[in-house]
Amino acid sequence: MTALQALALLNNPFMVKQAEFFAERVQKMEKDPARQIDAAIRLAFARAATQQERAAMAAYIQRHGLANACRLLLNANEFMFVD
């Protein structure tokens, strides 16, 4: 993926809306913010969150909100590409 493609995906109105829907789903699943991080990563990557991911996501969510954090997950290489 090129930088231009990554920026297009990150700022695409469709992706922004899908991230909001994703955040709503996570909030319905879990009320506790720490558990929301685990749920979001589990849904996006089909695996448990690492301690580093939990810490980074908690800080990001505190500054930018859950919907923007979900947007990052949807644009992560691990979500975009199958190994």
PDB file of N, CA and C in Angstrom:
ATOM      1  N   MET A   1       0.847  -1.171   0.000  1.00  0.00           N
ATOM      2  CA  MET A   1       0.000   0.000   0.000  1.00  0.00           C
ATOM      3  C   MET A   1       0.892   1.235   0.000  1.00  0.00           C
ATOM      4  N   THR A   2       0.553   2.187  -0.819  1.00  0.00           N
ATOM      5  CA  THR A   2       1.326   3.426  -0.882  1.00  0.00           C
ATOM      6  C   THR A   2       0.846   4.386   0.196  1.00  0.00           C
ATOM      7  N   ALA A   3       1.623   5.413   0.446  1.00  0.00           N
ATOM      8  CA  ALA A   3       1.245   6.428   1.436  1.00  0.00           C
ATOM      9  C   ALA A   3      -0.067   7.109   1.034  1.00  0.00           C
ATOM     10  N   LEU A   4      -0.227   7.358  -0.246  1.00  0.00           N
ATOM     11  CA  LEU A   4      -1.447   7.993  -0.736  1.00  0.00           C
ATOM     12  C   LEU A   4      -2.673   7.108  -0.492  1.00  0.00           C
ATOM     13  N   GLN A   5      -2.516   5.807  -0.736  1.00  0.00           N
ATOM     14  CA  GLN A   5      -3.624   4.882  -0.475  1.00  0.00           C
ATOM     15  C   GLN A   5      -3.962   4.854   1.018  1.00  0.00           C
ATOM     16  N   ALA A   6      -2.949   4.830   1.866  1.00  0.00           N
ATOM     17  CA  ALA A   6      -3.164   4.796   3.307  1.00  0.00           C
ATOM     18  C   ALA A   6      -3.895   6.054   3.776  1.00  0.00           C
ATOM     19  N   LEU A   7      -3.491   7.206   3.276  1.00  0.00           N
ATOM     20  CA  LEU A   7      -4.168   8.451   3.650  1.00  0.00           C
ATOM     21  C   LEU A   7      -5.603   8.493   3.142  1.00  0.00           C
ATOM     22  N   ALA A   8      -5.811   7.983   1.943  1.00  0.00           N
ATOM     23  CA  ALA A   8      -7.163   7.942   1.390  1.00  0.00           C
ATOM     24  C   ALA A   8      -8.063   7.071   2.250  1.00  0.00           C
ATOM     25  N   LEU A   9      -7.570   5.913   2.662  1.00  0.00           N
ATOM     26  CA  LEU A   9      -8.366   5.038   3.522  1.00  0.00           C
ATOM     27  C   LEU A   9      -8.629   5.669   4.884  1.00  0.00           C
ATOM     28  N   LEU A  10      -7.610   6.284   5.442  1.00  0.00           N
ATOM     29  CA  LEU A  10      -7.735   6.874   6.773  1.00  0.00           C
ATOM     30  C   LEU A  10      -8.763   7.996   6.794  1.00  0.00           C
ATOM     31  N   ASN A  11      -8.838   8.774   5.705  1.00  0.00           N
ATOM     32  CA  ASN A  11      -9.721   9.944   5.673  1.00  0.00           C
ATOM     33  C   ASN A  11     -11.004   9.738   4.877  1.00  0.00           C
ATOM     34  N   ASN A  12     -11.205   8.558   4.338  1.00  0.00           N
ATOM     35  CA  ASN A  12     -12.397   8.276   3.547  1.00  0.00           C
ATOM     36  C   ASN A  12     -13.642   8.346   4.435  1.00  0.00           C
ATOM     37  N   PRO A  13     -14.674   9.098   4.022  1.00  0.00           N
ATOM     38  CA  PRO A  13     -15.885   9.214   4.844  1.00  0.00           C
ATOM     39  C   PRO A  13     -16.539   7.859   5.161  1.00  0.00           C
ATOM     40  N   PHE A  14     -16.471   6.922   4.231  1.00  0.00           N
ATOM     41  CA  PHE A  14     -17.014   5.588   4.480  1.00  0.00           C
ATOM     42  C   PHE A  14     -16.278   4.920   5.638  1.00  0.00           C
ATOM     43  N   MET A  15     -14.940   5.001   5.633  1.00  0.00           N
ATOM     44  CA  MET A  15     -14.139   4.391   6.694  1.00  0.00           C
ATOM     45  C   MET A  15     -14.366   5.082   8.039  1.00  0.00           C
ATOM     46  N   VAL A  16     -14.526   6.381   8.017  1.00  0.00           N
ATOM     47  CA  VAL A  16     -14.810   7.121   9.253  1.00  0.00           C
ATOM     48  C   VAL A  16     -16.131   6.633   9.841  1.00  0.00           C
ATOM     49  N   LYS A  17     -17.140   6.476   9.018  1.00  0.00           N
ATOM     50  CA  LYS A  17     -18.450   6.010   9.478  1.00  0.00           C
ATOM     51  C   LYS A  17     -18.367   4.570   9.983  1.00  0.00           C
ATOM     52  N   GLN A  18     -17.634   3.718   9.273  1.00  0.00           N
ATOM     53  CA  GLN A  18     -17.490   2.333   9.719  1.00  0.00           C
ATOM     54  C   GLN A  18     -16.770   2.265  11.068  1.00  0.00           C
ATOM     55  N   ALA A  19     -15.800   3.132  11.287  1.00  0.00           N
ATOM     56  CA  ALA A  19     -15.110   3.181  12.576  1.00  0.00           C
ATOM     57  C   ALA A  19     -16.070   3.604  13.684  1.00  0.00           C
ATOM     58  N   GLU A  20     -16.979   4.517  13.384  1.00  0.00           N
ATOM     59  CA  GLU A  20     -17.989   4.922  14.370  1.00  0.00           C
ATOM     60  C   GLU A  20     -18.919   3.753  14.691  1.00  0.00           C
ATOM     61  N   PHE A  21     -19.329   3.005  13.678  1.00  0.00           N
ATOM     62  CA  PHE A  21     -20.165   1.824  13.903  1.00  0.00           C
ATOM     63  C   PHE A  21     -19.413   0.776  14.729  1.00  0.00           C
ATOM     64  N   PHE A  22     -18.143   0.599  14.414  1.00  0.00           N
ATOM     65  CA  PHE A  22     -17.302  -0.348  15.141  1.00  0.00           C
ATOM     66  C   PHE A  22     -17.209   0.057  16.618  1.00  0.00           C
ATOM     67  N   ALA A  23     -16.989   1.343  16.880  1.00  0.00           N
ATOM     68  CA  ALA A  23     -16.903   1.838  18.251  1.00  0.00           C
ATOM     69  C   ALA A  23     -18.225   1.629  19.000  1.00  0.00           C
ATOM     70  N   GLU A  24     -19.349   1.872  18.332  1.00  0.00           N
ATOM     71  CA  GLU A  24     -20.656   1.641  18.950  1.00  0.00           C
ATOM     72  C   GLU A  24     -20.828   0.173  19.318  1.00  0.00           C
ATOM     73  N   ARG A  25     -20.410  -0.707  18.422  1.00  0.00           N
ATOM     74  CA  ARG A  25     -20.501  -2.152  18.692  1.00  0.00           C
ATOM     75  C   ARG A  25     -19.669  -2.531  19.912  1.00  0.00           C
ATOM     76  N   VAL A  26     -18.457  -2.008  19.978  1.00  0.00           N
ATOM     77  CA  VAL A  26     -17.567  -2.299  21.108  1.00  0.00           C
ATOM     78  C   VAL A  26     -18.168  -1.761  22.406  1.00  0.00           C
ATOM     79  N   GLN A  27     -18.729  -0.555  22.371  1.00  0.00           N
ATOM     80  CA  GLN A  27     -19.337   0.036  23.569  1.00  0.00           C
ATOM     81  C   GLN A  27     -20.544  -0.762  24.047  1.00  0.00           C
ATOM     82  N   LYS A  28     -21.281  -1.341  23.124  1.00  0.00           N
ATOM     83  CA  LYS A  28     -22.418  -2.180  23.508  1.00  0.00           C
ATOM     84  C   LYS A  28     -21.948  -3.492  24.130  1.00  0.00           C
ATOM     85  N   MET A  29     -20.806  -3.995  23.658  1.00  0.00           N
ATOM     86  CA  MET A  29     -20.267  -5.255  24.169  1.00  0.00           C
ATOM     87  C   MET A  29     -19.678  -5.089  25.564  1.00  0.00           C
ATOM     88  N   GLU A  30     -18.959  -3.988  25.777  1.00  0.00           N
ATOM     89  CA  GLU A  30     -18.224  -3.768  27.019  1.00  0.00           C
ATOM     90  C   GLU A  30     -18.410  -2.340  27.505  1.00  0.00           C
ATOM     91  N   LYS A  31     -18.674  -2.183  28.785  1.00  0.00           N
ATOM     92  CA  LYS A  31     -18.824  -0.841  29.359  1.00  0.00           C
ATOM     93  C   LYS A  31     -17.494  -0.316  29.900  1.00  0.00           C
ATOM     94  N   ASP A  32     -16.639  -1.212  30.371  1.00  0.00           N
ATOM     95  CA  ASP A  32     -15.350  -0.839  30.944  1.00  0.00           C
ATOM     96  C   ASP A  32     -14.363  -0.483  29.826  1.00  0.00           C
ATOM     97  N   PRO A  33     -13.730   0.705  29.882  1.00  0.00           N
ATOM     98  CA  PRO A  33     -12.807   1.114  28.819  1.00  0.00           C
ATOM     99  C   PRO A  33     -11.665   0.126  28.576  1.00  0.00           C
ATOM    100  N   ALA A  34     -11.121  -0.471  29.614  1.00  0.00           N
ATOM    101  CA  ALA A  34     -10.034  -1.440  29.441  1.00  0.00           C
ATOM    102  C   ALA A  34     -10.522  -2.665  28.678  1.00  0.00           C
ATOM    103  N   ARG A  35     -11.713  -3.093  28.977  1.00  0.00           N
ATOM    104  CA  ARG A  35     -12.275  -4.251  28.279  1.00  0.00           C
ATOM    105  C   ARG A  35     -12.681  -3.891  26.855  1.00  0.00           C
ATOM    106  N   GLN A  36     -13.005  -2.618  26.610  1.00  0.00           N
ATOM    107  CA  GLN A  36     -13.321  -2.172  25.251  1.00  0.00           C
ATOM    108  C   GLN A  36     -12.105  -2.318  24.341  1.00  0.00           C
ATOM    109  N   ILE A  37     -10.934  -2.018  24.874  1.00  0.00           N
ATOM    110  CA  ILE A  37      -9.702  -2.163  24.094  1.00  0.00           C
ATOM    111  C   ILE A  37      -9.498  -3.619  23.710  1.00  0.00           C
ATOM    112  N   ASP A  38      -9.653  -4.510  24.699  1.00  0.00           N
ATOM    113  CA  ASP A  38      -9.504  -5.942  24.419  1.00  0.00           C
ATOM    114  C   ASP A  38     -10.518  -6.405  23.375  1.00  0.00           C
ATOM    115  N   ALA A  39     -11.759  -5.947  23.503  1.00  0.00           N
ATOM    116  CA  ALA A  39     -12.811  -6.352  22.570  1.00  0.00           C
ATOM    117  C   ALA A  39     -12.524  -5.844  21.161  1.00  0.00           C
ATOM    118  N   ALA A  40     -12.099  -4.597  21.046  1.00  0.00           N
ATOM    119  CA  ALA A  40     -11.833  -4.019  19.725  1.00  0.00           C
ATOM    120  C   ALA A  40     -10.696  -4.753  19.022  1.00  0.00           C
ATOM    121  N   ILE A  41      -9.640  -5.030  19.747  1.00  0.00           N
ATOM    122  CA  ILE A  41      -8.505  -5.732  19.130  1.00  0.00           C
ATOM    123  C   ILE A  41      -8.884  -7.169  18.793  1.00  0.00           C
ATOM    124  N   ARG A  42      -9.663  -7.798  19.662  1.00  0.00           N
ATOM    125  CA  ARG A  42     -10.112  -9.166  19.388  1.00  0.00           C
ATOM    126  C   ARG A  42     -10.975  -9.208  18.129  1.00  0.00           C
ATOM    127  N   LEU A  43     -11.868  -8.247  17.977  1.00  0.00           N
ATOM    128  CA  LEU A  43     -12.728  -8.202  16.792  1.00  0.00           C
ATOM    129  C   LEU A  43     -11.936  -7.873  15.520  1.00  0.00           C
ATOM    130  N   ALA A  44     -11.020  -6.942  15.617  1.00  0.00           N
ATOM    131  CA  ALA A  44     -10.277  -6.509  14.431  1.00  0.00           C
ATOM    132  C   ALA A  44      -9.217  -7.516  13.995  1.00  0.00           C
ATOM    133  N   PHE A  45      -8.497  -8.085  14.970  1.00  0.00           N
ATOM    134  CA  PHE A  45      -7.345  -8.913  14.638  1.00  0.00           C
ATOM    135  C   PHE A  45      -7.524 -10.389  14.971  1.00  0.00           C
ATOM    136  N   ALA A  46      -8.635 -10.756  15.598  1.00  0.00           N
ATOM    137  CA  ALA A  46      -8.913 -12.150  15.972  1.00  0.00           C
ATOM    138  C   ALA A  46      -7.829 -12.714  16.891  1.00  0.00           C
ATOM    139  N   ARG A  47      -7.366 -11.868  17.807  1.00  0.00           N
ATOM    140  CA  ARG A  47      -6.381 -12.302  18.793  1.00  0.00           C
ATOM    141  C   ARG A  47      -6.472 -11.382  20.008  1.00  0.00           C
ATOM    142  N   ALA A  48      -5.821 -11.777  21.078  1.00  0.00           N
ATOM    143  CA  ALA A  48      -5.797 -10.964  22.290  1.00  0.00           C
ATOM    144  C   ALA A  48      -4.835  -9.789  22.123  1.00  0.00           C
ATOM    145  N   ALA A  49      -5.119  -8.713  22.805  1.00  0.00           N
ATOM    146  CA  ALA A  49      -4.253  -7.538  22.787  1.00  0.00           C
ATOM    147  C   ALA A  49      -3.010  -7.788  23.632  1.00  0.00           C
ATOM    148  N   THR A  50      -1.896  -7.221  23.198  1.00  0.00           N
ATOM    149  CA  THR A  50      -0.683  -7.286  24.006  1.00  0.00           C
ATOM    150  C   THR A  50      -0.732  -6.166  25.042  1.00  0.00           C
ATOM    151  N   GLN A  51       0.142  -6.252  26.016  1.00  0.00           N
ATOM    152  CA  GLN A  51       0.194  -5.217  27.052  1.00  0.00           C
ATOM    153  C   GLN A  51       0.559  -3.863  26.438  1.00  0.00           C
ATOM    154  N   GLN A  52       1.487  -3.871  25.490  1.00  0.00           N
ATOM    155  CA  GLN A  52       1.882  -2.626  24.818  1.00  0.00           C
ATOM    156  C   GLN A  52       0.714  -2.030  24.039  1.00  0.00           C
ATOM    157  N   GLU A  53      -0.050  -2.864  23.366  1.00  0.00           N
ATOM    158  CA  GLU A  53      -1.212  -2.379  22.614  1.00  0.00           C
ATOM    159  C   GLU A  53      -2.248  -1.791  23.550  1.00  0.00           C
ATOM    160  N   ARG A  54      -2.469  -2.447  24.673  1.00  0.00           N
ATOM    161  CA  ARG A  54      -3.437  -1.920  25.651  1.00  0.00           C
ATOM    162  C   ARG A  54      -3.031  -0.528  26.123  1.00  0.00           C
ATOM    163  N   ALA A  55      -1.767  -0.375  26.469  1.00  0.00           N
ATOM    164  CA  ALA A  55      -1.279   0.917  26.970  1.00  0.00           C
ATOM    165  C   ALA A  55      -1.376   2.001  25.893  1.00  0.00           C
ATOM    166  N   ALA A  56      -0.943   1.672  24.686  1.00  0.00           N
ATOM    167  CA  ALA A  56      -0.989   2.651  23.593  1.00  0.00           C
ATOM    168  C   ALA A  56      -2.429   3.027  23.245  1.00  0.00           C
ATOM    169  N   MET A  57      -3.301   2.035  23.177  1.00  0.00           N
ATOM    170  CA  MET A  57      -4.710   2.304  22.849  1.00  0.00           C
ATOM    171  C   MET A  57      -5.391   3.111  23.948  1.00  0.00           C
ATOM    172  N   ALA A  58      -5.095   2.809  25.207  1.00  0.00           N
ATOM    173  CA  ALA A  58      -5.702   3.553  26.323  1.00  0.00           C
ATOM    174  C   ALA A  58      -5.321   5.030  26.243  1.00  0.00           C
ATOM    175  N   ALA A  59      -4.053   5.304  25.986  1.00  0.00           N
ATOM    176  CA  ALA A  59      -3.606   6.693  25.867  1.00  0.00           C
ATOM    177  C   ALA A  59      -4.255   7.379  24.663  1.00  0.00           C
ATOM    178  N   TYR A  60      -4.336   6.661  23.551  1.00  0.00           N
ATOM    179  CA  TYR A  60      -4.931   7.229  22.337  1.00  0.00           C
ATOM    180  C   TYR A  60      -6.419   7.507  22.544  1.00  0.00           C
ATOM    181  N   ILE A  61      -7.117   6.566  23.153  1.00  0.00           N
ATOM    182  CA  ILE A  61      -8.554   6.736  23.389  1.00  0.00           C
ATOM    183  C   ILE A  61      -8.816   7.915  24.316  1.00  0.00           C
ATOM    184  N   GLN A  62      -7.970   8.066  25.303  1.00  0.00           N
ATOM    185  CA  GLN A  62      -8.141   9.181  26.247  1.00  0.00           C
ATOM    186  C   GLN A  62      -8.021  10.525  25.530  1.00  0.00           C
ATOM    187  N   ARG A  63      -7.135  10.600  24.543  1.00  0.00           N
ATOM    188  CA  ARG A  63      -6.928  11.860  23.820  1.00  0.00           C
ATOM    189  C   ARG A  63      -7.890  12.058  22.657  1.00  0.00           C
ATOM    190  N   HIS A  64      -8.244  10.957  21.952  1.00  0.00           N
ATOM    191  CA  HIS A  64      -8.969  11.100  20.682  1.00  0.00           C
ATOM    192  C   HIS A  64     -10.306  10.368  20.613  1.00  0.00           C
ATOM    193  N   GLY A  65     -10.620   9.541  21.591  1.00  0.00           N
ATOM    194  CA  GLY A  65     -11.890   8.837  21.602  1.00  0.00           C
ATOM    195  C   GLY A  65     -11.824   7.449  20.983  1.00  0.00           C
ATOM    196  N   LEU A  66     -12.813   6.645  21.341  1.00  0.00           N
ATOM    197  CA  LEU A  66     -12.855   5.253  20.888  1.00  0.00           C
ATOM    198  C   LEU A  66     -13.051   5.139  19.377  1.00  0.00           C
ATOM    199  N   ALA A  67     -13.882   5.979  18.798  1.00  0.00           N
ATOM    200  CA  ALA A  67     -14.134   5.886  17.348  1.00  0.00           C
ATOM    201  C   ALA A  67     -12.852   6.112  16.552  1.00  0.00           C
ATOM    202  N   ASN A  68     -12.032   7.061  16.953  1.00  0.00           N
ATOM    203  CA  ASN A  68     -10.765   7.297  16.249  1.00  0.00           C
ATOM    204  C   ASN A  68      -9.790   6.153  16.471  1.00  0.00           C
ATOM    205  N   ALA A  69      -9.817   5.549  17.638  1.00  0.00           N
ATOM    206  CA  ALA A  69      -8.971   4.383  17.888  1.00  0.00           C
ATOM    207  C   ALA A  69      -9.410   3.213  17.008  1.00  0.00           C
ATOM    208  N   CYS A  70     -10.704   3.038  16.851  1.00  0.00           N
ATOM    209  CA  CYS A  70     -11.220   1.985  15.967  1.00  0.00           C
ATOM    210  C   CYS A  70     -10.811   2.254  14.527  1.00  0.00           C
ATOM    211  N   ARG A  71     -10.761   3.518  14.155  1.00  0.00           N
ATOM    212  CA  ARG A  71     -10.321   3.889  12.815  1.00  0.00           C
ATOM    213  C   ARG A  71      -8.869   3.469  12.591  1.00  0.00           C
ATOM    214  N   LEU A  72      -8.047   3.622  13.613  1.00  0.00           N
ATOM    215  CA  LEU A  72      -6.658   3.165  13.503  1.00  0.00           C
ATOM    216  C   LEU A  72      -6.591   1.660  13.306  1.00  0.00           C
ATOM    217  N   LEU A  73      -7.416   0.931  14.053  1.00  0.00           N
ATOM    218  CA  LEU A  73      -7.417  -0.526  13.923  1.00  0.00           C
ATOM    219  C   LEU A  73      -7.824  -0.952  12.521  1.00  0.00           C
ATOM    220  N   LEU A  74      -8.817  -0.287  11.963  1.00  0.00           N
ATOM    221  CA  LEU A  74      -9.283  -0.634  10.621  1.00  0.00           C
ATOM    222  C   LEU A  74      -8.252  -0.311   9.538  1.00  0.00           C
ATOM    223  N   ASN A  75      -7.302   0.542   9.867  1.00  0.00           N
ATOM    224  CA  ASN A  75      -6.261   0.918   8.900  1.00  0.00           C
ATOM    225  C   ASN A  75      -4.917   0.273   9.207  1.00  0.00           C
ATOM    226  N   ALA A  76      -4.884  -0.584  10.204  1.00  0.00           N
ATOM    227  CA  ALA A  76      -3.634  -1.260  10.559  1.00  0.00           C
ATOM    228  C   ALA A  76      -3.281  -2.316   9.509  1.00  0.00           C
ATOM    229  N   ASN A  77      -2.012  -2.505   9.301  1.00  0.00           N
ATOM    230  CA  ASN A  77      -1.562  -3.547   8.360  1.00  0.00           C
ATOM    231  C   ASN A  77      -2.124  -4.903   8.720  1.00  0.00           C
ATOM    232  N   GLU A  78      -2.177  -5.203  10.001  1.00  0.00           N
ATOM    233  CA  GLU A  78      -2.681  -6.511  10.441  1.00  0.00           C
ATOM    234  C   GLU A  78      -4.142  -6.720  10.029  1.00  0.00           C
ATOM    235  N   PHE A  79      -4.908  -5.654   9.953  1.00  0.00           N
ATOM    236  CA  PHE A  79      -6.302  -5.751   9.534  1.00  0.00           C
ATOM    237  C   PHE A  79      -6.407  -5.771   8.004  1.00  0.00           C
ATOM    238  N   MET A  80      -5.568  -5.017   7.342  1.00  0.00           N
ATOM    239  CA  MET A  80      -5.672  -4.835   5.902  1.00  0.00           C
ATOM    240  C   MET A  80      -5.137  -6.004   5.075  1.00  0.00           C
ATOM    241  N   PHE A  81      -4.136  -6.708   5.602  1.00  0.00           N
ATOM    242  CA  PHE A  81      -3.469  -7.741   4.819  1.00  0.00           C
ATOM    243  C   PHE A  81      -3.516  -9.079   5.529  1.00  0.00           C
ATOM    244  N   VAL A  82      -3.662 -10.142   4.757  1.00  0.00           N
ATOM    245  CA  VAL A  82      -3.644 -11.490   5.283  1.00  0.00           C
ATOM    246  C   VAL A  82      -2.256 -12.062   5.058  1.00  0.00           C
ATOM    247  N   ASP A  83      -1.664 -12.593   6.116  1.00  0.00           N
ATOM    248  CA  ASP A  83      -0.332 -13.225   5.975  1.00  0.00           C
ATOM    249  C   ASP A  83      -0.469 -14.652   5.554  1.00  0.00           C
TER     250      ASP A  83
END
